[in-house]
């Protein structure tokens, strides 16, 4: 699903000054829950990745010239989170997976450029994201 497409059953929320009453809030919440229940899991992962990608670029200072300085530690955390999300779902996101992998690669490159440092292996400081999850011990796999 592209950004411009909208599921027909999704509620269209317009900006208003009206405060929703308790019954309206409950009805809206129920509609949102129903939409989440029917949405394919891959779509939800993609919709989760999109704000991470946007936040990474904001943290790196990819905004107007008068914006706050880059937040490199925050950007690195978000890049690692996105990498973990993509590693955990590899091979299950369909046609959008390549675009998300490309966005991650671009974010990593932008981080290197913003930090002025040499590139390192993805997640080199975190063995769980270097090449997928690290070997898990018994306590890490229980209940999975």
C-alpha atoms as a PDB file:
ATOM      1  CA  UNK A   1       0.000   0.000   0.000  1.00  0.00           C
ATOM      2  CA  UNK A   2       1.397   3.373  -0.948  1.00  0.00           C
ATOM      3  CA  UNK A   3       1.268   6.490   1.176  1.00  0.00           C
ATOM      4  CA  UNK A   4      -1.445   7.997  -1.030  1.00  0.00           C
ATOM      5  CA  UNK A   5      -3.700   4.954  -0.882  1.00  0.00           C
ATOM      6  CA  UNK A   6      -6.137   4.606   1.967  1.00  0.00           C
ATOM      7  CA  UNK A   7      -8.103   1.589   3.069  1.00  0.00           C
ATOM      8  CA  UNK A   8     -11.771   2.330   2.369  1.00  0.00           C
ATOM      9  CA  UNK A   9     -12.782   1.324   5.890  1.00  0.00           C
ATOM     10  CA  UNK A  10     -10.296   3.681   7.578  1.00  0.00           C
ATOM     11  CA  UNK A  11     -11.891   6.599   9.365  1.00  0.00           C
ATOM     12  CA  UNK A  12     -10.934   9.956   7.938  1.00  0.00           C
ATOM     13  CA  UNK A  13     -10.111  12.205  10.827  1.00  0.00           C
ATOM     14  CA  UNK A  14     -10.268  15.883  10.057  1.00  0.00           C
ATOM     15  CA  UNK A  15      -8.724  18.550  12.227  1.00  0.00           C
ATOM     16  CA  UNK A  16     -11.459  20.117  14.308  1.00  0.00           C
ATOM     17  CA  UNK A  17     -11.780  22.026  17.514  1.00  0.00           C
ATOM     18  CA  UNK A  18     -14.480  19.612  18.663  1.00  0.00           C
ATOM     19  CA  UNK A  19     -13.673  17.499  21.685  1.00  0.00           C
ATOM     20  CA  UNK A  20     -14.923  13.942  21.382  1.00  0.00           C
ATOM     21  CA  UNK A  21     -17.250  12.726  24.081  1.00  0.00           C
ATOM     22  CA  UNK A  22     -16.704   9.400  25.850  1.00  0.00           C
ATOM     23  CA  UNK A  23     -19.055   7.506  23.511  1.00  0.00           C
ATOM     24  CA  UNK A  24     -17.396   8.973  20.419  1.00  0.00           C
ATOM     25  CA  UNK A  25     -13.944   8.170  21.788  1.00  0.00           C
ATOM     26  CA  UNK A  26     -14.988   4.581  22.485  1.00  0.00           C
ATOM     27  CA  UNK A  27     -16.462   4.199  18.976  1.00  0.00           C
ATOM     28  CA  UNK A  28     -13.331   5.623  17.367  1.00  0.00           C
ATOM     29  CA  UNK A  29     -11.078   3.373  19.450  1.00  0.00           C
ATOM     30  CA  UNK A  30     -13.160   0.334  18.485  1.00  0.00           C
ATOM     31  CA  UNK A  31     -12.908   1.286  14.793  1.00  0.00           C
ATOM     32  CA  UNK A  32      -9.124   1.671  15.081  1.00  0.00           C
ATOM     33  CA  UNK A  33      -8.834  -1.706  16.828  1.00  0.00           C
ATOM     34  CA  UNK A  34     -10.923  -3.322  14.103  1.00  0.00           C
ATOM     35  CA  UNK A  35      -8.703  -1.797  11.400  1.00  0.00           C
ATOM     36  CA  UNK A  36      -5.566  -3.064  13.170  1.00  0.00           C
ATOM     37  CA  UNK A  37      -7.053  -6.535  13.522  1.00  0.00           C
ATOM     38  CA  UNK A  38      -7.744  -6.715   9.768  1.00  0.00           C
ATOM     39  CA  UNK A  39      -4.476  -5.146   8.570  1.00  0.00           C
ATOM     40  CA  UNK A  40      -1.816  -7.533   7.308  1.00  0.00           C
ATOM     41  CA  UNK A  41       1.128  -7.810   9.692  1.00  0.00           C
ATOM     42  CA  UNK A  42       3.595  -6.767   6.983  1.00  0.00           C
ATOM     43  CA  UNK A  43       1.674  -3.506   6.481  1.00  0.00           C
ATOM     44  CA  UNK A  44       1.902  -2.764  10.199  1.00  0.00           C
ATOM     45  CA  UNK A  45       5.663  -3.380  10.204  1.00  0.00           C
ATOM     46  CA  UNK A  46       6.058  -1.054   7.214  1.00  0.00           C
ATOM     47  CA  UNK A  47       3.916   1.594   8.911  1.00  0.00           C
ATOM     48  CA  UNK A  48       6.112   1.221  12.006  1.00  0.00           C
ATOM     49  CA  UNK A  49       9.315   1.639   9.983  1.00  0.00           C
ATOM     50  CA  UNK A  50       8.185   4.811   8.206  1.00  0.00           C
ATOM     51  CA  UNK A  51       8.214   7.120  11.258  1.00  0.00           C
ATOM     52  CA  UNK A  52      11.572   5.656  12.328  1.00  0.00           C
ATOM     53  CA  UNK A  53      13.031   6.584   8.949  1.00  0.00           C
ATOM     54  CA  UNK A  54      11.631  10.104   9.172  1.00  0.00           C
ATOM     55  CA  UNK A  55      12.867  10.526  12.737  1.00  0.00           C
ATOM     56  CA  UNK A  56      16.361   9.362  11.754  1.00  0.00           C
ATOM     57  CA  UNK A  57      16.626  12.082   9.147  1.00  0.00           C
ATOM     58  CA  UNK A  58      15.328  14.689  11.564  1.00  0.00           C
ATOM     59  CA  UNK A  59      17.861  13.576  14.196  1.00  0.00           C
ATOM     60  CA  UNK A  60      20.622  13.815  11.589  1.00  0.00           C
ATOM     61  CA  UNK A  61      19.665  17.404  10.873  1.00  0.00           C
ATOM     62  CA  UNK A  62      18.087  16.786   7.471  1.00  0.00           C
ATOM     63  CA  UNK A  63      15.843  19.797   7.952  1.00  0.00           C
ATOM     64  CA  UNK A  64      15.912  23.513   7.304  1.00  0.00           C
ATOM     65  CA  UNK A  65      19.185  25.390   7.857  1.00  0.00           C
ATOM     66  CA  UNK A  66      17.875  27.061  11.020  1.00  0.00           C
ATOM     67  CA  UNK A  67      17.050  23.701  12.662  1.00  0.00           C
ATOM     68  CA  UNK A  68      18.600  22.395  15.864  1.00  0.00           C
ATOM     69  CA  UNK A  69      21.952  20.624  15.563  1.00  0.00           C
ATOM     70  CA  UNK A  70      22.078  16.924  14.770  1.00  0.00           C
ATOM     71  CA  UNK A  71      21.429  14.421  17.550  1.00  0.00           C
ATOM     72  CA  UNK A  72      23.862  11.682  16.535  1.00  0.00           C
ATOM     73  CA  UNK A  73      23.298   9.382  19.544  1.00  0.00           C
ATOM     74  CA  UNK A  74      19.542   9.597  18.979  1.00  0.00           C
ATOM     75  CA  UNK A  75      19.977   8.938  15.258  1.00  0.00           C
ATOM     76  CA  UNK A  76      22.191   5.932  15.958  1.00  0.00           C
ATOM     77  CA  UNK A  77      19.610   4.476  18.349  1.00  0.00           C
ATOM     78  CA  UNK A  78      16.852   4.856  15.749  1.00  0.00           C
ATOM     79  CA  UNK A  79      19.056   3.353  13.016  1.00  0.00           C
ATOM     80  CA  UNK A  80      19.770   0.358  15.257  1.00  0.00           C
ATOM     81  CA  UNK A  81      16.041   0.014  16.015  1.00  0.00           C
ATOM     82  CA  UNK A  82      15.186   0.081  12.306  1.00  0.00           C
ATOM     83  CA  UNK A  83      17.944  -2.452  11.568  1.00  0.00           C
ATOM     84  CA  UNK A  84      16.600  -4.745  14.279  1.00  0.00           C
ATOM     85  CA  UNK A  85      13.069  -4.457  12.935  1.00  0.00           C
ATOM     86  CA  UNK A  86      14.207  -5.284   9.406  1.00  0.00           C
ATOM     87  CA  UNK A  87      16.481  -8.106  10.565  1.00  0.00           C
ATOM     88  CA  UNK A  88      13.632  -9.667  12.534  1.00  0.00           C
ATOM     89  CA  UNK A  89      11.248  -9.547   9.573  1.00  0.00           C
ATOM     90  CA  UNK A  90      13.669 -10.361   6.740  1.00  0.00           C
ATOM     91  CA  UNK A  91      11.977 -12.167   3.883  1.00  0.00           C
ATOM     92  CA  UNK A  92       8.436 -11.503   5.113  1.00  0.00           C
ATOM     93  CA  UNK A  93       7.680  -7.912   4.060  1.00  0.00           C
ATOM     94  CA  UNK A  94       6.969  -8.500   0.403  1.00  0.00           C
ATOM     95  CA  UNK A  95       7.657  -5.971  -2.318  1.00  0.00           C
ATOM     96  CA  UNK A  96       8.415  -3.128   0.128  1.00  0.00           C
ATOM     97  CA  UNK A  97      11.319  -4.913   1.794  1.00  0.00           C
ATOM     98  CA  UNK A  98      13.910  -3.722  -0.727  1.00  0.00           C
ATOM     99  CA  UNK A  99      12.789  -0.101  -0.317  1.00  0.00           C
ATOM    100  CA  UNK A 100      13.083  -0.357   3.474  1.00  0.00           C
ATOM    101  CA  UNK A 101      16.550  -1.927   3.192  1.00  0.00           C
ATOM    102  CA  UNK A 102      17.544   0.917   0.874  1.00  0.00           C
ATOM    103  CA  UNK A 103      16.206   3.486   3.333  1.00  0.00           C
ATOM    104  CA  UNK A 104      18.260   1.856   6.097  1.00  0.00           C
ATOM    105  CA  UNK A 105      21.396   1.949   3.934  1.00  0.00           C
ATOM    106  CA  UNK A 106      20.770   5.618   3.128  1.00  0.00           C
ATOM    107  CA  UNK A 107      20.247   6.391   6.811  1.00  0.00           C
ATOM    108  CA  UNK A 108      23.529   4.677   7.686  1.00  0.00           C
ATOM    109  CA  UNK A 109      25.349   6.645   4.996  1.00  0.00           C
ATOM    110  CA  UNK A 110      23.778   9.900   6.184  1.00  0.00           C
ATOM    111  CA  UNK A 111      24.868   9.062   9.740  1.00  0.00           C
ATOM    112  CA  UNK A 112      28.456   8.510   8.609  1.00  0.00           C
ATOM    113  CA  UNK A 113      28.406  11.775   6.666  1.00  0.00           C
ATOM    114  CA  UNK A 114      26.882  13.692   9.582  1.00  0.00           C
ATOM    115  CA  UNK A 115      29.306  12.247  12.111  1.00  0.00           C
ATOM    116  CA  UNK A 116      32.378  12.607   9.931  1.00  0.00           C
ATOM    117  CA  UNK A 117      33.517   9.138  10.981  1.00  0.00           C
ATOM    118  CA  UNK A 118      34.541   6.117   8.997  1.00  0.00           C
ATOM    119  CA  UNK A 119      31.773   3.615   8.302  1.00  0.00           C
ATOM    120  CA  UNK A 120      31.742   0.512  10.429  1.00  0.00           C
ATOM    121  CA  UNK A 121      29.910  -2.718   9.996  1.00  0.00           C
ATOM    122  CA  UNK A 122      26.189  -2.288  10.683  1.00  0.00           C
ATOM    123  CA  UNK A 123      25.637  -2.681  14.385  1.00  0.00           C
ATOM    124  CA  UNK A 124      29.338  -3.333  14.988  1.00  0.00           C
ATOM    125  CA  UNK A 125      28.980  -2.061  18.525  1.00  0.00           C
ATOM    126  CA  UNK A 126      25.929  -4.281  19.036  1.00  0.00           C
ATOM    127  CA  UNK A 127      26.436  -7.953  18.190  1.00  0.00           C
ATOM    128  CA  UNK A 128      22.665  -8.544  18.072  1.00  0.00           C
ATOM    129  CA  UNK A 129      22.342  -6.306  14.971  1.00  0.00           C
ATOM    130  CA  UNK A 130      25.662  -6.948  13.230  1.00  0.00           C
ATOM    131  CA  UNK A 131      24.488  -9.885  11.109  1.00  0.00           C
ATOM    132  CA  UNK A 132      21.126 -10.678  12.603  1.00  0.00           C
ATOM    133  CA  UNK A 133      20.510 -11.793  16.168  1.00  0.00           C
ATOM    134  CA  UNK A 134      23.468 -13.130  18.104  1.00  0.00           C
ATOM    135  CA  UNK A 135      23.374 -16.695  19.244  1.00  0.00           C
ATOM    136  CA  UNK A 136      20.793 -16.753  21.976  1.00  0.00           C
ATOM    137  CA  UNK A 137      21.313 -18.519  25.222  1.00  0.00           C
ATOM    138  CA  UNK A 138      18.571 -20.677  26.762  1.00  0.00           C
ATOM    139  CA  UNK A 139      17.067 -17.814  28.772  1.00  0.00           C
ATOM    140  CA  UNK A 140      16.712 -15.637  25.659  1.00  0.00           C
ATOM    141  CA  UNK A 141      14.761 -18.227  23.708  1.00  0.00           C
ATOM    142  CA  UNK A 142      12.316 -19.380  26.355  1.00  0.00           C
ATOM    143  CA  UNK A 143       8.746 -18.485  25.523  1.00  0.00           C
ATOM    144  CA  UNK A 144       9.563 -17.506  21.939  1.00  0.00           C
END
